[in-house]
């Protein structure tokens, strides 16, 4: 890792993890007096579930904070230690903290917003390309989760061909693996064909027809 010292690496990792593990969705919803976001909708702490409270402003705030915290960790560590490697360590640790926060018994968000935020901060070209892949996949197949998974899988490949740097490639592989781990339930539903599509409405419950009685 070049001139990066062990102390700088440890500090970067600790700082990134603690910053990334702040559950902004949970904090924001509670502060707004709407209770525990984990008891609403899917139970996830991310912006999509915050939107289910009916408050678009809270969902937007969660999206920006979740996408920004890993980016801030990466840029801050890179600046303080004058080392791109320190930035990648802090950014990766922040992403890990978001997915597995110590404050919530290691049950965090799925990390798509954080994934794009940290990629755009650390590897802007890869981040922009993955964002385009996510949008295109989501439009074509109407599965938001598939878009995120496809973009995550593409990140290491793009890093290999466009950057060809072992640190950048390893960083993208790390992020992609965590994305797939956090989306294991979505992957199962995609394989079974039960994953809800974007814009799909739940089918209305069919009225119960009473059984005819014997006369």
N, C-alpha and C. Protein backbone atom coordinates (compact mmCIF):
# COMPACT_ATOMS: atom_id res chain seq x y z
N UNK A 1 0.82 -1.20 0.00
CA UNK A 1 0.00 0.00 0.00
C UNK A 1 0.86 1.26 0.00
N UNK A 2 2.00 1.16 -0.61
CA UNK A 2 2.84 2.35 -0.76
C UNK A 2 3.35 2.84 0.59
N UNK A 3 3.23 4.16 0.81
CA UNK A 3 3.71 4.80 2.03
C UNK A 3 2.67 4.80 3.14
N UNK A 4 1.57 4.16 2.96
CA UNK A 4 0.51 4.13 3.98
C UNK A 4 0.98 3.30 5.17
N UNK A 5 0.96 3.91 6.35
CA UNK A 5 1.38 3.20 7.55
C UNK A 5 0.24 2.36 8.11
N UNK A 6 0.60 1.43 8.97
CA UNK A 6 -0.41 0.59 9.61
C UNK A 6 -1.35 1.43 10.45
N UNK A 7 -0.81 2.41 11.15
CA UNK A 7 -1.63 3.29 11.99
C UNK A 7 -2.65 4.05 11.14
N UNK A 8 -2.20 4.59 10.00
CA UNK A 8 -3.10 5.32 9.12
C UNK A 8 -4.20 4.40 8.59
N UNK A 9 -3.84 3.17 8.26
CA UNK A 9 -4.82 2.22 7.76
C UNK A 9 -5.86 1.88 8.82
N UNK A 10 -5.38 1.68 10.06
CA UNK A 10 -6.30 1.35 11.16
C UNK A 10 -7.23 2.52 11.48
N UNK A 11 -6.66 3.72 11.54
CA UNK A 11 -7.47 4.91 11.81
C UNK A 11 -8.50 5.13 10.71
N UNK A 12 -8.07 4.96 9.46
CA UNK A 12 -8.99 5.13 8.33
C UNK A 12 -10.14 4.13 8.41
N UNK A 13 -9.81 2.87 8.72
CA UNK A 13 -10.84 1.83 8.80
C UNK A 13 -11.81 2.11 9.94
N UNK A 14 -11.28 2.48 11.11
CA UNK A 14 -12.15 2.74 12.27
C UNK A 14 -13.05 3.95 12.02
N UNK A 15 -12.46 5.02 11.48
CA UNK A 15 -13.24 6.22 11.18
C UNK A 15 -14.33 5.93 10.16
N UNK A 16 -13.95 5.23 9.10
CA UNK A 16 -14.92 4.91 8.06
C UNK A 16 -16.05 4.04 8.57
N UNK A 17 -15.71 3.01 9.33
CA UNK A 17 -16.75 2.10 9.83
C UNK A 17 -17.73 2.82 10.75
N UNK A 18 -17.23 3.64 11.66
CA UNK A 18 -18.11 4.33 12.61
C UNK A 18 -19.01 5.34 11.90
N UNK A 19 -18.45 6.04 10.91
CA UNK A 19 -19.25 6.99 10.15
C UNK A 19 -20.30 6.26 9.31
N UNK A 20 -19.88 5.19 8.66
CA UNK A 20 -20.81 4.44 7.80
C UNK A 20 -21.90 3.74 8.57
N UNK A 21 -21.64 3.42 9.83
CA UNK A 21 -22.63 2.67 10.61
C UNK A 21 -23.72 3.54 11.21
N UNK A 22 -23.64 4.86 11.02
CA UNK A 22 -24.72 5.73 11.50
C UNK A 22 -25.98 5.44 10.70
N UNK A 23 -27.06 4.97 11.34
CA UNK A 23 -28.29 4.61 10.62
C UNK A 23 -29.18 5.84 10.39
N UNK A 24 -28.85 6.62 9.40
CA UNK A 24 -29.54 7.89 9.18
C UNK A 24 -31.04 7.72 8.99
N UNK A 25 -31.46 6.67 8.28
CA UNK A 25 -32.89 6.46 8.08
C UNK A 25 -33.62 6.29 9.39
N UNK A 26 -33.05 5.49 10.27
CA UNK A 26 -33.64 5.26 11.59
C UNK A 26 -33.69 6.55 12.41
N UNK A 27 -32.58 7.29 12.42
CA UNK A 27 -32.48 8.52 13.20
C UNK A 27 -33.46 9.57 12.68
N UNK A 28 -33.50 9.75 11.37
CA UNK A 28 -34.36 10.78 10.78
C UNK A 28 -35.84 10.51 11.02
N UNK A 29 -36.25 9.26 10.83
CA UNK A 29 -37.66 8.91 11.02
C UNK A 29 -38.08 9.06 12.48
N UNK A 30 -37.20 8.65 13.39
CA UNK A 30 -37.51 8.81 14.81
C UNK A 30 -37.58 10.28 15.20
N UNK A 31 -36.65 11.08 14.66
CA UNK A 31 -36.63 12.51 14.96
C UNK A 31 -37.89 13.20 14.46
N UNK A 32 -38.47 12.67 13.37
CA UNK A 32 -39.69 13.24 12.81
C UNK A 32 -40.94 12.77 13.57
N UNK A 33 -40.75 11.93 14.57
CA UNK A 33 -41.87 11.46 15.38
C UNK A 33 -42.69 10.37 14.72
N UNK A 34 -42.07 9.63 13.80
CA UNK A 34 -42.81 8.59 13.08
C UNK A 34 -42.48 7.18 13.56
N UNK A 35 -41.76 7.08 14.65
CA UNK A 35 -41.47 5.77 15.22
C UNK A 35 -40.24 5.12 14.64
N UNK A 36 -40.19 3.80 14.76
CA UNK A 36 -39.04 3.01 14.34
C UNK A 36 -39.24 2.54 12.90
N UNK A 37 -38.36 2.96 11.99
CA UNK A 37 -38.49 2.59 10.57
C UNK A 37 -38.43 1.08 10.40
N UNK A 38 -37.83 0.37 11.34
CA UNK A 38 -37.73 -1.08 11.23
C UNK A 38 -39.06 -1.78 11.44
N UNK A 39 -40.05 -1.03 11.92
CA UNK A 39 -41.39 -1.59 12.10
C UNK A 39 -42.32 -1.18 10.97
N UNK A 40 -41.76 -0.56 9.93
CA UNK A 40 -42.55 -0.06 8.80
C UNK A 40 -42.13 -0.79 7.52
N UNK A 41 -43.09 -1.13 6.69
CA UNK A 41 -42.79 -1.71 5.39
C UNK A 41 -41.90 -2.93 5.45
N UNK A 42 -40.76 -2.86 4.74
CA UNK A 42 -39.82 -3.98 4.68
C UNK A 42 -38.96 -4.10 5.92
N UNK A 43 -38.97 -3.06 6.76
CA UNK A 43 -38.12 -3.06 7.95
C UNK A 43 -36.72 -2.58 7.68
N UNK A 44 -36.42 -2.25 6.42
CA UNK A 44 -35.08 -1.78 6.06
C UNK A 44 -34.90 -0.33 6.48
N UNK A 45 -33.66 0.08 6.73
CA UNK A 45 -33.40 1.44 7.20
C UNK A 45 -33.05 2.39 6.06
N UNK A 46 -33.14 1.93 4.82
CA UNK A 46 -32.76 2.75 3.68
C UNK A 46 -33.85 3.69 3.20
N UNK A 47 -33.50 4.51 2.21
CA UNK A 47 -34.39 5.55 1.71
C UNK A 47 -35.68 5.00 1.12
N UNK A 48 -35.61 3.85 0.44
CA UNK A 48 -36.81 3.27 -0.17
C UNK A 48 -37.87 2.97 0.88
N UNK A 49 -37.45 2.41 1.99
CA UNK A 49 -38.41 2.10 3.04
C UNK A 49 -38.85 3.36 3.78
N UNK A 50 -37.95 4.33 3.93
CA UNK A 50 -38.34 5.60 4.55
C UNK A 50 -39.45 6.26 3.73
N UNK A 51 -39.41 6.09 2.42
CA UNK A 51 -40.44 6.65 1.55
C UNK A 51 -41.82 6.09 1.89
N UNK A 52 -41.87 4.89 2.44
CA UNK A 52 -43.13 4.26 2.80
C UNK A 52 -43.82 4.96 3.99
N UNK A 53 -43.10 5.87 4.64
CA UNK A 53 -43.74 6.66 5.69
C UNK A 53 -44.63 7.75 5.09
N UNK A 54 -44.47 7.96 3.78
CA UNK A 54 -45.23 9.02 3.12
C UNK A 54 -44.51 10.35 3.11
N UNK A 55 -43.29 10.39 3.64
CA UNK A 55 -42.52 11.64 3.71
C UNK A 55 -41.38 11.59 2.70
N UNK A 56 -41.60 12.24 1.55
CA UNK A 56 -40.56 12.26 0.52
C UNK A 56 -39.33 13.03 0.96
N UNK A 57 -39.53 14.06 1.80
CA UNK A 57 -38.39 14.84 2.27
C UNK A 57 -37.47 14.01 3.15
N UNK A 58 -38.06 13.15 3.99
CA UNK A 58 -37.25 12.29 4.85
C UNK A 58 -36.51 11.24 4.02
N UNK A 59 -37.19 10.73 2.99
CA UNK A 59 -36.55 9.73 2.12
C UNK A 59 -35.38 10.35 1.36
N UNK A 60 -35.56 11.58 0.88
CA UNK A 60 -34.50 12.27 0.15
C UNK A 60 -33.31 12.54 1.07
N UNK A 61 -33.60 12.97 2.30
CA UNK A 61 -32.53 13.23 3.25
C UNK A 61 -31.75 11.95 3.56
N UNK A 62 -32.47 10.85 3.72
CA UNK A 62 -31.83 9.56 3.98
C UNK A 62 -30.96 9.15 2.80
N UNK A 63 -31.48 9.33 1.59
CA UNK A 63 -30.73 8.98 0.38
C UNK A 63 -29.42 9.76 0.29
N UNK A 64 -29.50 11.05 0.53
CA UNK A 64 -28.31 11.90 0.42
C UNK A 64 -27.28 11.57 1.51
N UNK A 65 -27.77 11.35 2.73
CA UNK A 65 -26.85 11.06 3.84
C UNK A 65 -26.23 9.68 3.70
N UNK A 66 -27.03 8.71 3.28
CA UNK A 66 -26.50 7.35 3.10
C UNK A 66 -25.49 7.29 1.96
N UNK A 67 -25.77 8.03 0.89
CA UNK A 67 -24.84 8.01 -0.25
C UNK A 67 -23.62 8.86 0.03
N UNK A 68 -23.77 9.84 0.92
CA UNK A 68 -22.66 10.76 1.18
C UNK A 68 -21.70 10.32 2.26
N UNK A 69 -22.16 9.49 3.21
CA UNK A 69 -21.29 9.21 4.37
C UNK A 69 -20.04 8.42 3.98
N UNK A 70 -20.17 7.44 3.10
CA UNK A 70 -19.00 6.68 2.67
C UNK A 70 -18.10 7.54 1.78
N UNK A 71 -18.72 8.40 0.99
CA UNK A 71 -17.95 9.31 0.14
C UNK A 71 -17.13 10.27 0.99
N UNK A 72 -17.75 10.79 2.05
CA UNK A 72 -17.04 11.71 2.95
C UNK A 72 -15.89 10.99 3.64
N UNK A 73 -16.15 9.75 4.09
CA UNK A 73 -15.10 8.98 4.75
C UNK A 73 -13.90 8.78 3.81
N UNK A 74 -14.19 8.42 2.57
CA UNK A 74 -13.13 8.18 1.59
C UNK A 74 -12.32 9.45 1.33
N UNK A 75 -13.01 10.55 1.06
CA UNK A 75 -12.32 11.79 0.72
C UNK A 75 -11.56 12.35 1.91
N UNK A 76 -12.13 12.22 3.12
CA UNK A 76 -11.46 12.75 4.31
C UNK A 76 -10.18 11.99 4.60
N UNK A 77 -10.23 10.67 4.56
CA UNK A 77 -9.03 9.87 4.84
C UNK A 77 -7.96 10.09 3.76
N UNK A 78 -8.40 10.19 2.53
CA UNK A 78 -7.46 10.44 1.43
C UNK A 78 -6.74 11.77 1.63
N UNK A 79 -7.49 12.79 2.09
CA UNK A 79 -6.90 14.11 2.30
C UNK A 79 -5.99 14.14 3.52
N UNK A 80 -6.46 13.59 4.64
CA UNK A 80 -5.70 13.64 5.90
C UNK A 80 -4.37 12.90 5.78
N UNK A 81 -4.42 11.72 5.18
CA UNK A 81 -3.20 10.91 5.09
C UNK A 81 -2.49 11.04 3.75
N UNK A 82 -3.04 11.89 2.88
CA UNK A 82 -2.45 12.10 1.56
C UNK A 82 -2.18 10.77 0.86
N UNK A 83 -3.21 9.91 0.90
CA UNK A 83 -3.04 8.56 0.37
C UNK A 83 -4.35 8.06 -0.23
N UNK A 84 -4.37 7.72 -1.51
CA UNK A 84 -5.57 7.13 -2.11
C UNK A 84 -5.96 5.82 -1.42
N UNK A 85 -4.93 5.06 -0.99
CA UNK A 85 -5.21 3.78 -0.34
C UNK A 85 -5.97 3.99 0.97
N UNK A 86 -5.59 5.02 1.73
CA UNK A 86 -6.31 5.33 2.98
C UNK A 86 -7.76 5.66 2.67
N UNK A 87 -7.97 6.36 1.57
CA UNK A 87 -9.34 6.70 1.17
C UNK A 87 -10.16 5.46 0.85
N UNK A 88 -9.57 4.53 0.10
CA UNK A 88 -10.29 3.30 -0.24
C UNK A 88 -10.59 2.47 1.01
N UNK A 89 -9.65 2.44 1.95
CA UNK A 89 -9.88 1.70 3.19
C UNK A 89 -11.04 2.32 3.97
N UNK A 90 -11.03 3.65 4.10
CA UNK A 90 -12.08 4.34 4.84
C UNK A 90 -13.43 4.19 4.14
N UNK A 91 -13.43 4.33 2.82
CA UNK A 91 -14.68 4.20 2.07
C UNK A 91 -15.24 2.80 2.14
N UNK A 92 -14.37 1.80 2.01
CA UNK A 92 -14.82 0.42 2.11
C UNK A 92 -15.34 0.09 3.50
N UNK A 93 -14.65 0.61 4.52
CA UNK A 93 -15.08 0.37 5.90
C UNK A 93 -16.42 1.06 6.17
N UNK A 94 -16.61 2.24 5.60
CA UNK A 94 -17.89 2.95 5.77
C UNK A 94 -19.02 2.16 5.12
N UNK A 95 -18.74 1.59 3.97
CA UNK A 95 -19.75 0.78 3.29
C UNK A 95 -20.08 -0.46 4.12
N UNK A 96 -19.05 -1.07 4.69
CA UNK A 96 -19.25 -2.22 5.57
C UNK A 96 -20.08 -1.82 6.78
N UNK A 97 -19.80 -0.64 7.34
CA UNK A 97 -20.55 -0.15 8.49
C UNK A 97 -22.01 0.09 8.17
N UNK A 98 -22.28 0.58 6.97
CA UNK A 98 -23.67 0.79 6.57
C UNK A 98 -24.42 -0.53 6.47
N UNK A 99 -23.78 -1.53 5.90
CA UNK A 99 -24.43 -2.83 5.72
C UNK A 99 -24.55 -3.60 7.03
N UNK A 100 -23.55 -3.44 7.90
CA UNK A 100 -23.51 -4.19 9.16
C UNK A 100 -23.14 -3.25 10.31
N UNK A 101 -24.06 -2.35 10.70
CA UNK A 101 -23.75 -1.37 11.75
C UNK A 101 -23.75 -2.00 13.15
N UNK A 102 -22.73 -1.67 13.91
CA UNK A 102 -22.61 -2.22 15.26
C UNK A 102 -23.76 -1.77 16.16
N UNK A 103 -24.32 -0.59 15.88
CA UNK A 103 -25.39 -0.04 16.73
C UNK A 103 -26.70 -0.81 16.56
N UNK A 104 -26.88 -1.51 15.47
CA UNK A 104 -28.15 -2.21 15.20
C UNK A 104 -27.94 -3.72 15.10
N UNK A 105 -27.04 -4.23 15.92
CA UNK A 105 -26.75 -5.68 15.92
C UNK A 105 -26.35 -6.18 14.54
N UNK A 106 -25.64 -5.31 13.81
CA UNK A 106 -25.08 -5.64 12.49
C UNK A 106 -26.16 -5.92 11.44
N UNK A 107 -27.35 -5.32 11.62
CA UNK A 107 -28.42 -5.45 10.64
C UNK A 107 -28.69 -4.07 10.03
N UNK A 108 -28.07 -3.81 8.90
CA UNK A 108 -28.16 -2.49 8.29
C UNK A 108 -28.90 -2.45 6.98
N UNK A 109 -28.54 -1.48 6.15
CA UNK A 109 -29.21 -1.31 4.87
C UNK A 109 -28.62 -2.19 3.80
N UNK A 110 -29.25 -2.14 2.63
CA UNK A 110 -28.77 -2.96 1.51
C UNK A 110 -27.64 -2.29 0.75
N UNK A 111 -27.50 -0.99 0.92
CA UNK A 111 -26.28 -0.34 0.49
C UNK A 111 -26.17 0.16 -0.92
N UNK A 112 -27.25 0.19 -1.69
CA UNK A 112 -27.12 0.62 -3.09
C UNK A 112 -26.75 2.10 -3.18
N UNK A 113 -27.43 2.95 -2.41
CA UNK A 113 -27.11 4.38 -2.43
C UNK A 113 -25.69 4.63 -1.95
N UNK A 114 -25.29 3.94 -0.91
CA UNK A 114 -23.93 4.08 -0.36
C UNK A 114 -22.90 3.59 -1.37
N UNK A 115 -23.23 2.53 -2.07
CA UNK A 115 -22.37 1.95 -3.11
C UNK A 115 -22.06 2.98 -4.19
N UNK A 116 -23.10 3.63 -4.70
CA UNK A 116 -22.90 4.62 -5.76
C UNK A 116 -22.19 5.85 -5.22
N UNK A 117 -22.49 6.25 -3.99
CA UNK A 117 -21.84 7.42 -3.42
C UNK A 117 -20.35 7.26 -3.28
N UNK A 118 -19.93 6.11 -2.74
CA UNK A 118 -18.50 5.89 -2.52
C UNK A 118 -17.76 5.65 -3.84
N UNK A 119 -18.43 5.03 -4.80
CA UNK A 119 -17.80 4.84 -6.12
C UNK A 119 -17.59 6.16 -6.83
N UNK A 120 -18.58 7.04 -6.77
CA UNK A 120 -18.46 8.33 -7.44
C UNK A 120 -17.35 9.17 -6.80
N UNK A 121 -17.16 9.01 -5.48
CA UNK A 121 -16.12 9.77 -4.80
C UNK A 121 -14.73 9.22 -5.08
N UNK A 122 -14.62 7.89 -5.10
CA UNK A 122 -13.30 7.28 -5.26
C UNK A 122 -12.91 6.96 -6.68
N UNK A 123 -13.89 6.53 -7.47
CA UNK A 123 -13.64 6.14 -8.87
C UNK A 123 -14.78 6.72 -9.72
N UNK A 124 -14.74 8.03 -9.98
CA UNK A 124 -15.87 8.70 -10.65
C UNK A 124 -16.29 8.06 -11.97
N UNK A 125 -15.32 7.65 -12.79
CA UNK A 125 -15.65 7.05 -14.09
C UNK A 125 -16.42 5.74 -13.89
N UNK A 126 -15.96 4.91 -12.96
CA UNK A 126 -16.64 3.64 -12.68
C UNK A 126 -18.01 3.90 -12.06
N UNK A 127 -18.08 4.87 -11.17
CA UNK A 127 -19.36 5.19 -10.54
C UNK A 127 -20.39 5.65 -11.55
N UNK A 128 -19.97 6.51 -12.48
CA UNK A 128 -20.89 7.01 -13.50
C UNK A 128 -21.34 5.88 -14.43
N UNK A 129 -20.41 5.02 -14.80
CA UNK A 129 -20.75 3.90 -15.68
C UNK A 129 -21.71 2.93 -14.99
N UNK A 130 -21.46 2.66 -13.72
CA UNK A 130 -22.35 1.75 -12.97
C UNK A 130 -23.73 2.37 -12.77
N UNK A 131 -23.77 3.68 -12.60
CA UNK A 131 -25.06 4.35 -12.49
C UNK A 131 -25.87 4.21 -13.76
N UNK A 132 -25.20 4.34 -14.91
CA UNK A 132 -25.87 4.17 -16.20
C UNK A 132 -26.36 2.74 -16.38
N UNK A 133 -25.55 1.79 -15.94
CA UNK A 133 -25.94 0.37 -16.03
C UNK A 133 -27.15 0.09 -15.16
N UNK A 134 -27.15 0.65 -13.96
CA UNK A 134 -28.29 0.46 -13.05
C UNK A 134 -29.57 0.99 -13.68
N UNK A 135 -29.51 2.21 -14.21
CA UNK A 135 -30.70 2.84 -14.79
C UNK A 135 -31.19 2.04 -16.00
N UNK A 136 -30.28 1.66 -16.87
CA UNK A 136 -30.65 0.93 -18.09
C UNK A 136 -31.27 -0.43 -17.73
N UNK A 137 -30.66 -1.14 -16.80
CA UNK A 137 -31.18 -2.45 -16.40
C UNK A 137 -32.55 -2.32 -15.75
N UNK A 138 -32.70 -1.32 -14.89
CA UNK A 138 -33.98 -1.12 -14.21
C UNK A 138 -35.08 -0.77 -15.20
N UNK A 139 -34.74 0.03 -16.22
CA UNK A 139 -35.74 0.41 -17.23
C UNK A 139 -36.13 -0.80 -18.08
N UNK A 140 -35.13 -1.58 -18.50
CA UNK A 140 -35.39 -2.71 -19.39
C UNK A 140 -36.16 -3.84 -18.70
N UNK A 141 -35.78 -4.16 -17.46
CA UNK A 141 -36.37 -5.32 -16.79
C UNK A 141 -37.33 -4.96 -15.66
N UNK A 142 -37.34 -3.68 -15.27
CA UNK A 142 -38.25 -3.16 -14.23
C UNK A 142 -38.03 -3.82 -12.87
N UNK A 143 -36.80 -4.19 -12.61
CA UNK A 143 -36.42 -4.70 -11.28
C UNK A 143 -35.32 -3.79 -10.73
N UNK A 144 -35.62 -3.05 -9.69
CA UNK A 144 -34.62 -2.17 -9.09
C UNK A 144 -33.45 -2.97 -8.53
N UNK A 145 -33.76 -4.07 -7.87
CA UNK A 145 -32.71 -4.90 -7.27
C UNK A 145 -31.78 -5.47 -8.33
N UNK A 146 -32.34 -5.88 -9.47
CA UNK A 146 -31.53 -6.43 -10.55
C UNK A 146 -30.59 -5.35 -11.10
N UNK A 147 -31.09 -4.13 -11.17
CA UNK A 147 -30.25 -3.03 -11.62
C UNK A 147 -29.05 -2.83 -10.71
N UNK A 148 -29.28 -2.84 -9.40
CA UNK A 148 -28.19 -2.67 -8.45
C UNK A 148 -27.21 -3.82 -8.50
N UNK A 149 -27.72 -5.03 -8.61
CA UNK A 149 -26.85 -6.21 -8.66
C UNK A 149 -26.01 -6.22 -9.94
N UNK A 150 -26.62 -5.85 -11.05
CA UNK A 150 -25.90 -5.82 -12.33
C UNK A 150 -24.80 -4.76 -12.29
N UNK A 151 -25.12 -3.61 -11.74
CA UNK A 151 -24.13 -2.54 -11.63
C UNK A 151 -22.98 -2.97 -10.73
N UNK A 152 -23.30 -3.64 -9.62
CA UNK A 152 -22.26 -4.09 -8.69
C UNK A 152 -21.35 -5.12 -9.35
N UNK A 153 -21.95 -6.05 -10.10
CA UNK A 153 -21.16 -7.07 -10.78
C UNK A 153 -20.27 -6.45 -11.86
N UNK A 154 -20.76 -5.37 -12.47
CA UNK A 154 -20.00 -4.73 -13.55
C UNK A 154 -18.83 -3.91 -13.03
N UNK A 155 -18.91 -3.44 -11.79
CA UNK A 155 -17.88 -2.54 -11.26
C UNK A 155 -16.46 -3.12 -11.33
N UNK A 156 -16.21 -4.34 -10.83
CA UNK A 156 -14.84 -4.88 -10.92
C UNK A 156 -14.37 -5.08 -12.36
N UNK A 157 -15.30 -5.46 -13.23
CA UNK A 157 -14.95 -5.68 -14.64
C UNK A 157 -14.54 -4.36 -15.28
N UNK A 158 -15.33 -3.32 -15.02
CA UNK A 158 -15.01 -2.00 -15.55
C UNK A 158 -13.68 -1.49 -14.99
N UNK A 159 -13.46 -1.73 -13.70
CA UNK A 159 -12.21 -1.29 -13.08
C UNK A 159 -11.01 -1.99 -13.71
N UNK A 160 -11.20 -3.25 -14.05
CA UNK A 160 -10.10 -4.01 -14.65
C UNK A 160 -9.73 -3.46 -16.03
N UNK A 161 -10.75 -3.19 -16.85
CA UNK A 161 -10.48 -2.77 -18.22
C UNK A 161 -10.18 -1.27 -18.33
N UNK A 162 -10.77 -0.46 -17.44
CA UNK A 162 -10.60 0.98 -17.57
C UNK A 162 -9.47 1.52 -16.70
N UNK A 163 -9.21 0.87 -15.58
CA UNK A 163 -8.20 1.39 -14.65
C UNK A 163 -7.02 0.45 -14.50
N UNK A 164 -7.31 -0.85 -14.47
CA UNK A 164 -6.28 -1.88 -14.36
C UNK A 164 -5.34 -1.65 -13.17
N UNK A 165 -5.91 -1.23 -12.05
CA UNK A 165 -5.13 -1.05 -10.82
C UNK A 165 -5.62 -2.03 -9.77
N UNK A 166 -4.73 -2.78 -9.13
CA UNK A 166 -5.16 -3.81 -8.18
C UNK A 166 -5.95 -3.27 -7.00
N UNK A 167 -5.60 -2.07 -6.51
CA UNK A 167 -6.33 -1.50 -5.37
C UNK A 167 -7.76 -1.16 -5.78
N UNK A 168 -7.91 -0.52 -6.92
CA UNK A 168 -9.24 -0.13 -7.41
C UNK A 168 -10.09 -1.37 -7.70
N UNK A 169 -9.48 -2.37 -8.31
CA UNK A 169 -10.21 -3.60 -8.63
C UNK A 169 -10.64 -4.30 -7.34
N UNK A 170 -9.71 -4.41 -6.39
CA UNK A 170 -10.04 -5.04 -5.11
C UNK A 170 -11.14 -4.30 -4.38
N UNK A 171 -11.11 -2.98 -4.45
CA UNK A 171 -12.14 -2.15 -3.82
C UNK A 171 -13.51 -2.45 -4.43
N UNK A 172 -13.58 -2.53 -5.74
CA UNK A 172 -14.84 -2.81 -6.43
C UNK A 172 -15.34 -4.22 -6.14
N UNK A 173 -14.42 -5.18 -6.06
CA UNK A 173 -14.80 -6.55 -5.73
C UNK A 173 -15.41 -6.60 -4.34
N UNK A 174 -14.77 -5.91 -3.39
CA UNK A 174 -15.27 -5.86 -2.01
C UNK A 174 -16.68 -5.30 -1.96
N UNK A 175 -16.92 -4.19 -2.63
CA UNK A 175 -18.24 -3.58 -2.64
C UNK A 175 -19.27 -4.51 -3.29
N UNK A 176 -18.89 -5.14 -4.40
CA UNK A 176 -19.81 -6.02 -5.11
C UNK A 176 -20.21 -7.22 -4.26
N UNK A 177 -19.25 -7.80 -3.57
CA UNK A 177 -19.55 -8.95 -2.72
C UNK A 177 -20.55 -8.57 -1.63
N UNK A 178 -20.36 -7.41 -1.02
CA UNK A 178 -21.29 -6.97 0.03
C UNK A 178 -22.69 -6.70 -0.53
N UNK A 179 -22.74 -6.12 -1.72
CA UNK A 179 -24.04 -5.89 -2.37
C UNK A 179 -24.79 -7.21 -2.54
N UNK A 180 -24.12 -8.21 -3.01
CA UNK A 180 -24.75 -9.52 -3.25
C UNK A 180 -25.16 -10.18 -1.92
N UNK A 181 -24.34 -10.03 -0.90
CA UNK A 181 -24.69 -10.59 0.41
C UNK A 181 -25.95 -9.93 0.95
N UNK A 182 -26.02 -8.62 0.84
CA UNK A 182 -27.16 -7.89 1.40
C UNK A 182 -28.43 -8.10 0.56
N UNK A 183 -28.27 -8.55 -0.68
CA UNK A 183 -29.44 -8.76 -1.54
C UNK A 183 -29.76 -10.25 -1.72
N UNK A 184 -29.35 -11.08 -0.79
CA UNK A 184 -29.59 -12.52 -0.95
C UNK A 184 -31.07 -12.84 -1.07
N UNK A 185 -31.91 -12.14 -0.31
CA UNK A 185 -33.35 -12.39 -0.39
C UNK A 185 -33.90 -11.95 -1.75
N UNK A 186 -33.42 -10.83 -2.26
CA UNK A 186 -33.86 -10.36 -3.58
C UNK A 186 -33.43 -11.33 -4.67
N UNK A 187 -32.22 -11.87 -4.56
CA UNK A 187 -31.74 -12.83 -5.54
C UNK A 187 -32.63 -14.06 -5.55
N UNK A 188 -33.00 -14.52 -4.36
CA UNK A 188 -33.88 -15.69 -4.27
C UNK A 188 -35.22 -15.42 -4.94
N UNK A 189 -35.78 -14.21 -4.70
CA UNK A 189 -37.07 -13.88 -5.31
C UNK A 189 -36.94 -13.71 -6.82
N UNK A 190 -35.82 -13.16 -7.28
CA UNK A 190 -35.61 -13.02 -8.72
C UNK A 190 -35.57 -14.39 -9.40
N UNK A 191 -34.90 -15.33 -8.77
CA UNK A 191 -34.81 -16.68 -9.33
C UNK A 191 -36.17 -17.38 -9.33
N UNK A 192 -36.99 -17.05 -8.35
CA UNK A 192 -38.32 -17.67 -8.26
C UNK A 192 -39.37 -16.92 -9.07
N UNK A 193 -39.01 -15.72 -9.55
CA UNK A 193 -39.95 -14.91 -10.31
C UNK A 193 -40.95 -14.18 -9.44
N UNK A 194 -40.64 -14.00 -8.16
CA UNK A 194 -41.57 -13.34 -7.24
C UNK A 194 -41.12 -11.95 -6.81
N UNK A 195 -39.99 -11.49 -7.36
CA UNK A 195 -39.51 -10.15 -7.01
C UNK A 195 -40.44 -9.10 -7.62
N UNK A 196 -40.94 -8.14 -6.80
CA UNK A 196 -41.85 -7.12 -7.35
C UNK A 196 -41.16 -6.20 -8.34
N UNK A 197 -41.86 -5.89 -9.41
CA UNK A 197 -41.31 -5.00 -10.41
C UNK A 197 -41.56 -3.54 -10.05
N UNK A 198 -40.78 -2.67 -10.64
CA UNK A 198 -40.94 -1.23 -10.41
C UNK A 198 -42.31 -0.80 -10.91
N UNK A 199 -43.07 -0.12 -10.07
CA UNK A 199 -44.38 0.38 -10.45
C UNK A 199 -45.49 -0.63 -10.37
N UNK A 200 -45.16 -1.88 -10.01
CA UNK A 200 -46.21 -2.90 -9.93
C UNK A 200 -47.06 -2.67 -8.70
N UNK A 201 -48.35 -2.85 -8.86
CA UNK A 201 -49.28 -2.70 -7.75
C UNK A 201 -49.66 -4.08 -7.24
N UNK A 202 -49.87 -4.12 -5.95
CA UNK A 202 -50.29 -5.38 -5.36
C UNK A 202 -51.68 -5.75 -5.85
N UNK A 203 -51.84 -7.00 -6.20
CA UNK A 203 -53.14 -7.45 -6.67
C UNK A 203 -54.16 -7.36 -5.56
N UNK A 204 -55.33 -6.88 -5.92
CA UNK A 204 -56.39 -6.75 -4.92
C UNK A 204 -56.84 -8.12 -4.48
N UNK A 205 -57.13 -8.23 -3.20
CA UNK A 205 -57.56 -9.52 -2.66
C UNK A 205 -58.92 -9.89 -3.24
N UNK A 206 -59.05 -11.14 -3.65
CA UNK A 206 -60.31 -11.59 -4.23
C UNK A 206 -61.36 -11.78 -3.13
N UNK A 207 -62.59 -11.34 -3.37
CA UNK A 207 -63.62 -11.52 -2.36
C UNK A 207 -63.89 -12.98 -2.09
N UNK A 208 -64.11 -13.29 -0.83
CA UNK A 208 -64.39 -14.65 -0.44
C UNK A 208 -65.82 -15.01 -0.82
N UNK A 209 -65.99 -16.09 -1.58
CA UNK A 209 -67.33 -16.56 -1.97
C UNK A 209 -67.79 -17.59 -0.97
N UNK A 210 -68.90 -17.36 -0.31
CA UNK A 210 -69.33 -18.32 0.71
C UNK A 210 -69.68 -19.67 0.10
N UNK A 211 -69.35 -20.71 0.83
CA UNK A 211 -69.68 -22.05 0.39
C UNK A 211 -71.19 -22.27 0.42
N UNK A 212 -71.75 -22.89 -0.63
CA UNK A 212 -73.20 -23.13 -0.60
C UNK A 212 -73.55 -24.12 0.52
N UNK A 213 -74.64 -23.82 1.18
CA UNK A 213 -75.07 -24.69 2.28
C UNK A 213 -76.05 -25.74 1.77
N UNK A 214 -75.99 -26.89 2.36
CA UNK A 214 -76.90 -27.97 1.94
C UNK A 214 -78.30 -27.68 2.42
N UNK A 215 -79.27 -27.97 1.58
CA UNK A 215 -80.66 -27.72 1.92
C UNK A 215 -81.36 -29.03 2.30
